[in-house]
Structures are given as structure tokens and as C-alpha cells.
Amino acid sequence: VRCGDETGYWYGTTDESGRVQFELTQDNTPGLKTRLEAMLPDDPPTVSDMDAIFTVITSPDSVKAKYWGHMPETATN
């Protein structure tokens, strides 16, 4: 498994449909999108990838935001 620039190893099995489920966490993140890539060790050309997006409440859900977030674009008092 490669997550961003880091490479690590995770061994597991798939369900009957060939899918795998695992929990991914990123502690102390400012709200980043990280590329996650998985490959088979005995068949390196077989690769699957997707983006893992970690959001923070202090960044608005807006194209103008610097980080990925889920805070409303406006605040009320």
C-alpha cells in the first residue's frame, strides 16, 4: 500500500466479491487529500488507487478553501 509518498505493507483477505475493507486514519491533519494505492505483491501491474480525503471542521466546504473541510461557508452569530 502506498499512501502519498509513504509505502507500507498490509496483508489481508478479500470477501467473496474480491473486496477488502479497512479503517484508514490520519491524526493531526490539516485536511488533506492523500492518494492511496494498493497492488498485488505477486502481480505488480495489478494496481488499484483512490483518494483518501481527510476533512477538518475549521475549513469551509468551498473551492476557495486551502484545505478539505466540512464547515459551512457562512457563520451565524
PDB file of N, CA and C in Angstrom:
ATOM      1  N   VAL A   1       0.850  -1.164   0.000  1.00  0.00           N
ATOM      2  CA  VAL A   1       0.000   0.000   0.000  1.00  0.00           C
ATOM      3  C   VAL A   1       0.895   1.225   0.000  1.00  0.00           C
ATOM      4  N   ARG A   2       0.571   2.171  -0.846  1.00  0.00           N
ATOM      5  CA  ARG A   2       1.290   3.436  -0.852  1.00  0.00           C
ATOM      6  C   ARG A   2       0.278   4.525  -0.528  1.00  0.00           C
ATOM      7  N   CYS A   3       0.579   5.339   0.472  1.00  0.00           N
ATOM      8  CA  CYS A   3      -0.299   6.433   0.886  1.00  0.00           C
ATOM      9  C   CYS A   3       0.514   7.710   0.773  1.00  0.00           C
ATOM     10  N   GLY A   4       0.235   8.514  -0.250  1.00  0.00           N
ATOM     11  CA  GLY A   4       1.059   9.690  -0.503  1.00  0.00           C
ATOM     12  C   GLY A   4       2.444   9.241  -0.911  1.00  0.00           C
ATOM     13  N   ASP A   5       3.463   9.714  -0.213  1.00  0.00           N
ATOM     14  CA  ASP A   5       4.845   9.330  -0.511  1.00  0.00           C
ATOM     15  C   ASP A   5       5.327   8.162   0.333  1.00  0.00           C
ATOM     16  N   GLU A   6       4.500   7.692   1.252  1.00  0.00           N
ATOM     17  CA  GLU A   6       4.882   6.616   2.164  1.00  0.00           C
ATOM     18  C   GLU A   6       4.423   5.262   1.626  1.00  0.00           C
ATOM     19  N   THR A   7       5.287   4.267   1.711  1.00  0.00           N
ATOM     20  CA  THR A   7       4.942   2.913   1.307  1.00  0.00           C
ATOM     21  C   THR A   7       4.934   2.027   2.542  1.00  0.00           C
ATOM     22  N   GLY A   8       3.901   1.223   2.675  1.00  0.00           N
ATOM     23  CA  GLY A   8       3.797   0.306   3.799  1.00  0.00           C
ATOM     24  C   GLY A   8       3.192  -0.998   3.319  1.00  0.00           C
ATOM     25  N   TYR A   9       3.086  -1.939   4.193  1.00  0.00           N
ATOM     26  CA  TYR A   9       2.548  -3.239   3.829  1.00  0.00           C
ATOM     27  C   TYR A   9       1.371  -3.578   4.715  1.00  0.00           C
ATOM     28  N   TRP A  10       0.335  -4.073   4.103  1.00  0.00           N
ATOM     29  CA  TRP A  10      -0.847  -4.541   4.807  1.00  0.00           C
ATOM     30  C   TRP A  10      -1.237  -5.854   4.150  1.00  0.00           C
ATOM     31  N   TYR A  11      -1.415  -6.871   4.939  1.00  0.00           N
ATOM     32  CA  TYR A  11      -1.791  -8.175   4.414  1.00  0.00           C
ATOM     33  C   TYR A  11      -3.171  -8.525   4.930  1.00  0.00           C
ATOM     34  N   GLY A  12      -4.020  -8.975   4.059  1.00  0.00           N
ATOM     35  CA  GLY A  12      -5.370  -9.340   4.450  1.00  0.00           C
ATOM     36  C   GLY A  12      -6.012 -10.189   3.369  1.00  0.00           C
ATOM     37  N   THR A  13      -7.265 -10.477   3.544  1.00  0.00           N
ATOM     38  CA  THR A  13      -8.005 -11.264   2.563  1.00  0.00           C
ATOM     39  C   THR A  13      -9.237 -10.485   2.127  1.00  0.00           C
ATOM     40  N   THR A  14      -9.721 -10.826   0.970  1.00  0.00           N
ATOM     41  CA  THR A  14     -10.912 -10.178   0.433  1.00  0.00           C
ATOM     42  C   THR A  14     -12.148 -10.993   0.775  1.00  0.00           C
ATOM     43  N   ASP A  15     -13.303 -10.370   0.602  1.00  0.00           N
ATOM     44  CA  ASP A  15     -14.549 -11.110   0.792  1.00  0.00           C
ATOM     45  C   ASP A  15     -14.860 -11.904  -0.479  1.00  0.00           C
ATOM     46  N   GLU A  16     -16.032 -12.520  -0.532  1.00  0.00           N
ATOM     47  CA  GLU A  16     -16.371 -13.373  -1.678  1.00  0.00           C
ATOM     48  C   GLU A  16     -16.475 -12.602  -2.989  1.00  0.00           C
ATOM     49  N   SER A  17     -16.645 -11.274  -2.922  1.00  0.00           N
ATOM     50  CA  SER A  17     -16.723 -10.474  -4.147  1.00  0.00           C
ATOM     51  C   SER A  17     -15.374  -9.846  -4.513  1.00  0.00           C
ATOM     52  N   GLY A  18     -14.325 -10.157  -3.761  1.00  0.00           N
ATOM     53  CA  GLY A  18     -12.997  -9.637  -4.063  1.00  0.00           C
ATOM     54  C   GLY A  18     -12.720  -8.263  -3.473  1.00  0.00           C
ATOM     55  N   ARG A  19     -13.560  -7.825  -2.553  1.00  0.00           N
ATOM     56  CA  ARG A  19     -13.380  -6.510  -1.934  1.00  0.00           C
ATOM     57  C   ARG A  19     -12.750  -6.642  -0.548  1.00  0.00           C
ATOM     58  N   VAL A  20     -12.059  -5.592  -0.164  1.00  0.00           N
ATOM     59  CA  VAL A  20     -11.444  -5.550   1.156  1.00  0.00           C
ATOM     60  C   VAL A  20     -11.918  -4.276   1.859  1.00  0.00           C
ATOM     61  N   GLN A  21     -12.046  -4.348   3.156  1.00  0.00           N
ATOM     62  CA  GLN A  21     -12.462  -3.185   3.933  1.00  0.00           C
ATOM     63  C   GLN A  21     -11.494  -3.013   5.093  1.00  0.00           C
ATOM     64  N   PHE A  22     -11.029  -1.781   5.293  1.00  0.00           N
ATOM     65  CA  PHE A  22     -10.140  -1.492   6.408  1.00  0.00           C
ATOM     66  C   PHE A  22     -10.345  -0.043   6.829  1.00  0.00           C
ATOM     67  N   GLU A  23      -9.884   0.280   8.017  1.00  0.00           N
ATOM     68  CA  GLU A  23     -10.019   1.635   8.544  1.00  0.00           C
ATOM     69  C   GLU A  23      -8.729   2.399   8.300  1.00  0.00           C
ATOM     70  N   LEU A  24      -8.865   3.600   7.795  1.00  0.00           N
ATOM     71  CA  LEU A  24      -7.720   4.451   7.498  1.00  0.00           C
ATOM     72  C   LEU A  24      -7.854   5.725   8.325  1.00  0.00           C
ATOM     73  N   THR A  25      -6.834   6.064   9.077  1.00  0.00           N
ATOM     74  CA  THR A  25      -6.871   7.286   9.884  1.00  0.00           C
ATOM     75  C   THR A  25      -5.640   8.126   9.587  1.00  0.00           C
ATOM     76  N   GLN A  26      -5.778   9.413   9.791  1.00  0.00           N
ATOM     77  CA  GLN A  26      -4.646  10.327   9.649  1.00  0.00           C
ATOM     78  C   GLN A  26      -4.769  11.344  10.776  1.00  0.00           C
ATOM     79  N   ASP A  27      -4.004  11.143  11.824  1.00  0.00           N
ATOM     80  CA  ASP A  27      -4.080  12.006  13.000  1.00  0.00           C
ATOM     81  C   ASP A  27      -3.387  13.345  12.750  1.00  0.00           C
ATOM     82  N   ASN A  28      -3.931  14.391  13.356  1.00  0.00           N
ATOM     83  CA  ASN A  28      -3.333  15.730  13.307  1.00  0.00           C
ATOM     84  C   ASN A  28      -3.140  16.245  11.887  1.00  0.00           C
ATOM     85  N   THR A  29      -4.115  16.036  11.043  1.00  0.00           N
ATOM     86  CA  THR A  29      -4.025  16.505   9.668  1.00  0.00           C
ATOM     87  C   THR A  29      -4.757  17.833   9.516  1.00  0.00           C
ATOM     88  N   PRO A  30      -4.276  18.710   8.649  1.00  0.00           N
ATOM     89  CA  PRO A  30      -4.974  19.966   8.422  1.00  0.00           C
ATOM     90  C   PRO A  30      -6.121  19.829   7.422  1.00  0.00           C
ATOM     91  N   GLY A  31      -6.427  18.678   6.930  1.00  0.00           N
ATOM     92  CA  GLY A  31      -7.494  18.485   5.957  1.00  0.00           C
ATOM     93  C   GLY A  31      -6.923  18.285   4.568  1.00  0.00           C
ATOM     94  N   LEU A  32      -6.325  17.145   4.342  1.00  0.00           N
ATOM     95  CA  LEU A  32      -5.616  16.890   3.093  1.00  0.00           C
ATOM     96  C   LEU A  32      -6.233  15.754   2.292  1.00  0.00           C
ATOM     97  N   LYS A  33      -6.000  15.792   0.984  1.00  0.00           N
ATOM     98  CA  LYS A  33      -6.362  14.683   0.108  1.00  0.00           C
ATOM     99  C   LYS A  33      -5.083  13.894  -0.141  1.00  0.00           C
ATOM    100  N   THR A  34      -5.116  12.605   0.141  1.00  0.00           N
ATOM    101  CA  THR A  34      -3.948  11.749   0.006  1.00  0.00           C
ATOM    102  C   THR A  34      -4.271  10.603  -0.936  1.00  0.00           C
ATOM    103  N   ARG A  35      -3.399  10.354  -1.884  1.00  0.00           N
ATOM    104  CA  ARG A  35      -3.578   9.268  -2.846  1.00  0.00           C
ATOM    105  C   ARG A  35      -3.254   7.946  -2.162  1.00  0.00           C
ATOM    106  N   LEU A  36      -4.152   6.971  -2.262  1.00  0.00           N
ATOM    107  CA  LEU A  36      -3.969   5.646  -1.688  1.00  0.00           C
ATOM    108  C   LEU A  36      -3.902   4.656  -2.840  1.00  0.00           C
ATOM    109  N   GLU A  37      -2.872   3.839  -2.862  1.00  0.00           N
ATOM    110  CA  GLU A  37      -2.659   2.895  -3.958  1.00  0.00           C
ATOM    111  C   GLU A  37      -2.397   1.507  -3.388  1.00  0.00           C
ATOM    112  N   ALA A  38      -3.065   0.511  -3.938  1.00  0.00           N
ATOM    113  CA  ALA A  38      -2.871  -0.874  -3.499  1.00  0.00           C
ATOM    114  C   ALA A  38      -2.461  -1.725  -4.693  1.00  0.00           C
ATOM    115  N   MET A  39      -1.571  -2.665  -4.452  1.00  0.00           N
ATOM    116  CA  MET A  39      -1.119  -3.550  -5.529  1.00  0.00           C
ATOM    117  C   MET A  39      -0.924  -4.964  -4.990  1.00  0.00           C
ATOM    118  N   LEU A  40      -0.966  -5.921  -5.882  1.00  0.00           N
ATOM    119  CA  LEU A  40      -0.748  -7.314  -5.509  1.00  0.00           C
ATOM    120  C   LEU A  40       0.748  -7.604  -5.523  1.00  0.00           C
ATOM    121  N   PRO A  41       1.305  -8.188  -4.456  1.00  0.00           N
ATOM    122  CA  PRO A  41       2.748  -8.415  -4.407  1.00  0.00           C
ATOM    123  C   PRO A  41       3.255  -9.391  -5.464  1.00  0.00           C
ATOM    124  N   ASP A  42       2.419 -10.343  -5.868  1.00  0.00           N
ATOM    125  CA  ASP A  42       2.872 -11.310  -6.871  1.00  0.00           C
ATOM    126  C   ASP A  42       2.430 -10.924  -8.279  1.00  0.00           C
ATOM    127  N   ASP A  43       1.803  -9.753  -8.447  1.00  0.00           N
ATOM    128  CA  ASP A  43       1.382  -9.267  -9.764  1.00  0.00           C
ATOM    129  C   ASP A  43       1.408  -7.737  -9.746  1.00  0.00           C
ATOM    130  N   PRO A  44       2.623  -7.127  -9.697  1.00  0.00           N
ATOM    131  CA  PRO A  44       2.744  -5.676  -9.559  1.00  0.00           C
ATOM    132  C   PRO A  44       1.953  -4.837 -10.566  1.00  0.00           C
ATOM    133  N   PRO A  45       1.729  -5.300 -11.810  1.00  0.00           N
ATOM    134  CA  PRO A  45       0.929  -4.466 -12.712  1.00  0.00           C
ATOM    135  C   PRO A  45      -0.535  -4.303 -12.271  1.00  0.00           C
ATOM    136  N   THR A  46      -1.016  -5.176 -11.377  1.00  0.00           N
ATOM    137  CA  THR A  46      -2.388  -5.064 -10.890  1.00  0.00           C
ATOM    138  C   THR A  46      -2.415  -4.037  -9.766  1.00  0.00           C
ATOM    139  N   VAL A  47      -2.931  -2.839 -10.080  1.00  0.00           N
ATOM    140  CA  VAL A  47      -2.936  -1.726  -9.134  1.00  0.00           C
ATOM    141  C   VAL A  47      -4.334  -1.133  -9.053  1.00  0.00           C
ATOM    142  N   SER A  48      -4.729  -0.745  -7.870  1.00  0.00           N
ATOM    143  CA  SER A  48      -5.985  -0.030  -7.660  1.00  0.00           C
ATOM    144  C   SER A  48      -5.664   1.200  -6.825  1.00  0.00           C
ATOM    145  N   ASP A  49      -6.228   2.340  -7.197  1.00  0.00           N
ATOM    146  CA  ASP A  49      -5.949   3.541  -6.419  1.00  0.00           C
ATOM    147  C   ASP A  49      -7.202   4.388  -6.238  1.00  0.00           C
ATOM    148  N   MET A  50      -7.148   5.226  -5.221  1.00  0.00           N
ATOM    149  CA  MET A  50      -8.234   6.158  -4.933  1.00  0.00           C
ATOM    150  C   MET A  50      -7.700   7.243  -4.006  1.00  0.00           C
ATOM    151  N   ASP A  51      -8.437   8.338  -3.902  1.00  0.00           N
ATOM    152  CA  ASP A  51      -8.056   9.409  -2.995  1.00  0.00           C
ATOM    153  C   ASP A  51      -8.718   9.201  -1.644  1.00  0.00           C
ATOM    154  N   ALA A  52      -7.960   9.379  -0.594  1.00  0.00           N
ATOM    155  CA  ALA A  52      -8.496   9.402   0.768  1.00  0.00           C
ATOM    156  C   ALA A  52      -8.504  10.869   1.182  1.00  0.00           C
ATOM    157  N   ILE A  53      -9.682  11.391   1.510  1.00  0.00           N
ATOM    158  CA  ILE A  53      -9.806  12.797   1.866  1.00  0.00           C
ATOM    159  C   ILE A  53     -10.141  12.905   3.347  1.00  0.00           C
ATOM    160  N   PHE A  54      -9.274  13.573   4.074  1.00  0.00           N
ATOM    161  CA  PHE A  54      -9.464  13.808   5.497  1.00  0.00           C
ATOM    162  C   PHE A  54      -9.889  15.259   5.660  1.00  0.00           C
ATOM    163  N   THR A  55     -11.068  15.483   6.235  1.00  0.00           N
ATOM    164  CA  THR A  55     -11.577  16.842   6.375  1.00  0.00           C
ATOM    165  C   THR A  55     -11.447  17.334   7.806  1.00  0.00           C
ATOM    166  N   VAL A  56     -11.479  18.644   7.952  1.00  0.00           N
ATOM    167  CA  VAL A  56     -11.466  19.272   9.270  1.00  0.00           C
ATOM    168  C   VAL A  56     -12.641  20.230   9.361  1.00  0.00           C
ATOM    169  N   ILE A  57     -13.170  20.420  10.540  1.00  0.00           N
ATOM    170  CA  ILE A  57     -14.330  21.283  10.711  1.00  0.00           C
ATOM    171  C   ILE A  57     -13.970  22.765  10.572  1.00  0.00           C
ATOM    172  N   THR A  58     -12.700  23.108  10.706  1.00  0.00           N
ATOM    173  CA  THR A  58     -12.295  24.513  10.663  1.00  0.00           C
ATOM    174  C   THR A  58     -12.015  25.030   9.262  1.00  0.00           C
ATOM    175  N   SER A  59     -12.285  24.245   8.243  1.00  0.00           N
ATOM    176  CA  SER A  59     -12.114  24.693   6.864  1.00  0.00           C
ATOM    177  C   SER A  59     -13.455  24.564   6.155  1.00  0.00           C
ATOM    178  N   PRO A  60     -13.896  25.610   5.466  1.00  0.00           N
ATOM    179  CA  PRO A  60     -15.198  25.542   4.804  1.00  0.00           C
ATOM    180  C   PRO A  60     -15.198  24.579   3.625  1.00  0.00           C
ATOM    181  N   ASP A  61     -16.361  24.053   3.325  1.00  0.00           N
ATOM    182  CA  ASP A  61     -16.540  23.194   2.158  1.00  0.00           C
ATOM    183  C   ASP A  61     -16.710  24.109   0.952  1.00  0.00           C
ATOM    184  N   SER A  62     -15.606  24.636   0.460  1.00  0.00           N
ATOM    185  CA  SER A  62     -15.616  25.639  -0.596  1.00  0.00           C
ATOM    186  C   SER A  62     -14.401  25.453  -1.492  1.00  0.00           C
ATOM    187  N   VAL A  63     -14.556  25.773  -2.779  1.00  0.00           N
ATOM    188  CA  VAL A  63     -13.420  25.681  -3.702  1.00  0.00           C
ATOM    189  C   VAL A  63     -12.343  26.708  -3.356  1.00  0.00           C
ATOM    190  N   LYS A  64     -12.686  27.728  -2.571  1.00  0.00           N
ATOM    191  CA  LYS A  64     -11.732  28.766  -2.189  1.00  0.00           C
ATOM    192  C   LYS A  64     -10.926  28.399  -0.941  1.00  0.00           C
ATOM    193  N   ALA A  65     -11.285  27.325  -0.282  1.00  0.00           N
ATOM    194  CA  ALA A  65     -10.595  26.914   0.944  1.00  0.00           C
ATOM    195  C   ALA A  65      -9.229  26.312   0.621  1.00  0.00           C
ATOM    196  N   LYS A  66      -8.290  26.443   1.560  1.00  0.00           N
ATOM    197  CA  LYS A  66      -6.949  25.885   1.375  1.00  0.00           C
ATOM    198  C   LYS A  66      -6.893  24.399   1.698  1.00  0.00           C
ATOM    199  N   TYR A  67      -7.798  23.935   2.561  1.00  0.00           N
ATOM    200  CA  TYR A  67      -7.809  22.540   2.981  1.00  0.00           C
ATOM    201  C   TYR A  67      -9.189  21.951   2.745  1.00  0.00           C
ATOM    202  N   TRP A  68      -9.295  20.635   2.826  1.00  0.00           N
ATOM    203  CA  TRP A  68     -10.581  19.957   2.718  1.00  0.00           C
ATOM    204  C   TRP A  68     -11.290  20.091   4.054  1.00  0.00           C
ATOM    205  N   GLY A  69     -12.534  20.517   4.017  1.00  0.00           N
ATOM    206  CA  GLY A  69     -13.253  20.705   5.263  1.00  0.00           C
ATOM    207  C   GLY A  69     -14.739  20.453   5.124  1.00  0.00           C
ATOM    208  N   HIS A  70     -15.439  20.574   6.228  1.00  0.00           N
ATOM    209  CA  HIS A  70     -16.886  20.388   6.217  1.00  0.00           C
ATOM    210  C   HIS A  70     -17.587  21.460   7.049  1.00  0.00           C
ATOM    211  N   MET A  71     -16.944  22.630   7.196  1.00  0.00           N
ATOM    212  CA  MET A  71     -17.543  23.758   7.884  1.00  0.00           C
ATOM    213  C   MET A  71     -18.422  24.518   6.882  1.00  0.00           C
ATOM    214  N   PRO A  72     -19.585  25.021   7.290  1.00  0.00           N
ATOM    215  CA  PRO A  72     -20.406  25.820   6.377  1.00  0.00           C
ATOM    216  C   PRO A  72     -19.625  27.045   5.884  1.00  0.00           C
ATOM    217  N   GLU A  73     -19.972  27.545   4.694  1.00  0.00           N
ATOM    218  CA  GLU A  73     -19.278  28.703   4.133  1.00  0.00           C
ATOM    219  C   GLU A  73     -19.579  29.986   4.897  1.00  0.00           C
ATOM    220  N   THR A  74     -20.709  30.036   5.583  1.00  0.00           N
ATOM    221  CA  THR A  74     -21.071  31.230   6.346  1.00  0.00           C
ATOM    222  C   THR A  74     -21.235  30.868   7.812  1.00  0.00           C
ATOM    223  N   ALA A  75     -21.030  31.857   8.657  1.00  0.00           N
ATOM    224  CA  ALA A  75     -21.197  31.657  10.097  1.00  0.00           C
ATOM    225  C   ALA A  75     -22.289  32.598  10.600  1.00  0.00           C
ATOM    226  N   THR A  76     -23.057  32.143  11.550  1.00  0.00           N
ATOM    227  CA  THR A  76     -24.090  32.985  12.146  1.00  0.00           C
ATOM    228  C   THR A  76     -23.755  33.202  13.609  1.00  0.00           C
ATOM    229  N   ASN A  77     -24.225  34.307  14.121  1.00  0.00           N
ATOM    230  CA  ASN A  77     -23.923  34.660  15.496  1.00  0.00           C
ATOM    231  C   ASN A  77     -25.146  34.487  16.363  1.00  0.00           C
TER     232      ASN A  77
END
